[in-house]
Amino acid sequence: MEYRYQQQVLDQLEKHGIRPRPTTRPELVREFVNDLYRYELRRLRDRLRRGEIPKAGYFDRVVELRRAYSVLALKPDQLVE
């Protein structure tokens, strides 16, 4: 089966280096993006624990990261046309 991803979704995915093929299931794409987002959150948390970033700005960085992964607000079937 082939899927036609929405152009705005493809643009968002491209920012993270993700280029799904027409045969890539939307569920798999969303799972991958979620895993990448969780990895970035863990990296941010680890930087906080090591003292590389101040605790005062941590929340703002988490919010910024969430905005960067706004495609996660969509369900898999919303990724495609």
Protein backbone atom coordinates (compact mmCIF):
# COMPACT_ATOMS: atom_id res chain seq x y z
CA MET A 1 0.00 0.00 0.00
CA GLU A 2 1.19 3.52 -0.75
CA TYR A 3 0.58 6.62 1.36
CA ARG A 4 0.55 10.24 0.30
CA TYR A 5 1.94 12.36 3.13
CA GLN A 6 0.73 15.93 3.53
CA GLN A 7 3.32 18.43 2.33
CA GLN A 8 3.34 20.33 5.64
CA VAL A 9 4.02 17.05 7.44
CA LEU A 10 6.87 16.24 5.05
CA ASP A 11 8.33 19.70 5.67
CA GLN A 12 8.23 19.14 9.44
CA LEU A 13 9.76 15.68 9.12
CA GLU A 14 12.51 16.99 6.86
CA LYS A 15 13.69 19.30 9.65
CA HIS A 16 14.57 16.15 11.59
CA GLY A 17 16.11 14.36 8.61
CA ILE A 18 13.12 12.05 8.18
CA ARG A 19 12.00 11.27 4.63
CA PRO A 20 9.31 8.61 4.58
CA ARG A 21 8.78 6.70 1.38
CA PRO A 22 5.29 6.34 -0.05
CA THR A 23 5.30 2.76 1.25
CA THR A 24 6.22 3.77 4.82
CA ARG A 25 3.31 3.29 7.19
CA PRO A 26 2.23 6.49 9.02
CA GLU A 27 2.26 4.56 12.32
CA LEU A 28 5.93 3.74 11.81
CA VAL A 29 6.76 7.36 10.97
CA ARG A 30 5.01 8.63 14.11
CA GLU A 31 6.72 6.01 16.29
CA PHE A 32 10.10 7.02 14.89
CA VAL A 33 9.45 10.72 15.48
CA ASN A 34 8.28 9.95 19.02
CA ASP A 35 11.44 7.94 19.71
CA LEU A 36 13.59 10.78 18.37
CA TYR A 37 11.72 13.30 20.54
CA ARG A 38 12.17 11.14 23.64
CA TYR A 39 15.88 10.79 22.86
CA GLU A 40 16.20 14.58 22.62
CA LEU A 41 14.35 15.00 25.93
CA ARG A 42 16.71 12.55 27.63
CA ARG A 43 19.72 14.38 26.21
CA LEU A 44 18.36 17.66 27.53
CA ARG A 45 17.72 16.14 30.96
CA ASP A 46 21.23 14.69 31.04
CA ARG A 47 22.71 18.09 30.17
CA LEU A 48 20.76 19.58 33.07
CA ARG A 49 22.05 16.91 35.45
CA ARG A 50 25.64 17.54 34.35
CA GLY A 51 25.18 21.24 34.99
CA GLU A 52 25.66 22.22 31.35
CA ILE A 53 22.41 24.17 31.30
CA PRO A 54 20.83 26.16 34.13
CA LYS A 55 17.77 24.78 35.86
CA ALA A 56 16.02 28.13 35.44
CA GLY A 57 15.91 27.77 31.65
CA TYR A 58 15.18 24.05 31.51
CA PHE A 59 11.40 24.35 31.20
CA ASP A 60 11.71 26.81 28.33
CA ARG A 61 14.02 24.42 26.50
CA VAL A 62 11.55 21.57 26.96
CA VAL A 63 8.75 23.73 25.53
CA GLU A 64 10.96 24.73 22.60
CA LEU A 65 11.77 21.09 21.93
CA ARG A 66 8.08 20.18 22.03
CA ARG A 67 7.34 22.88 19.47
CA ALA A 68 10.06 21.49 17.24
CA TYR A 69 8.24 18.15 17.28
CA SER A 70 4.75 19.56 16.72
CA VAL A 71 4.03 16.78 14.24
CA LEU A 72 3.51 14.54 17.28
CA ALA A 73 0.23 16.32 17.93
CA LEU A 74 -1.14 14.51 14.88
CA LYS A 75 -2.48 10.96 14.83
CA PRO A 76 -0.95 8.63 12.24
CA ASP A 77 -3.94 8.91 9.91
CA GLN A 78 -3.63 12.71 10.00
CA LEU A 79 -0.12 12.54 8.53
CA VAL A 80 -1.47 11.46 5.16
CA GLU A 81 -3.97 12.89 2.71
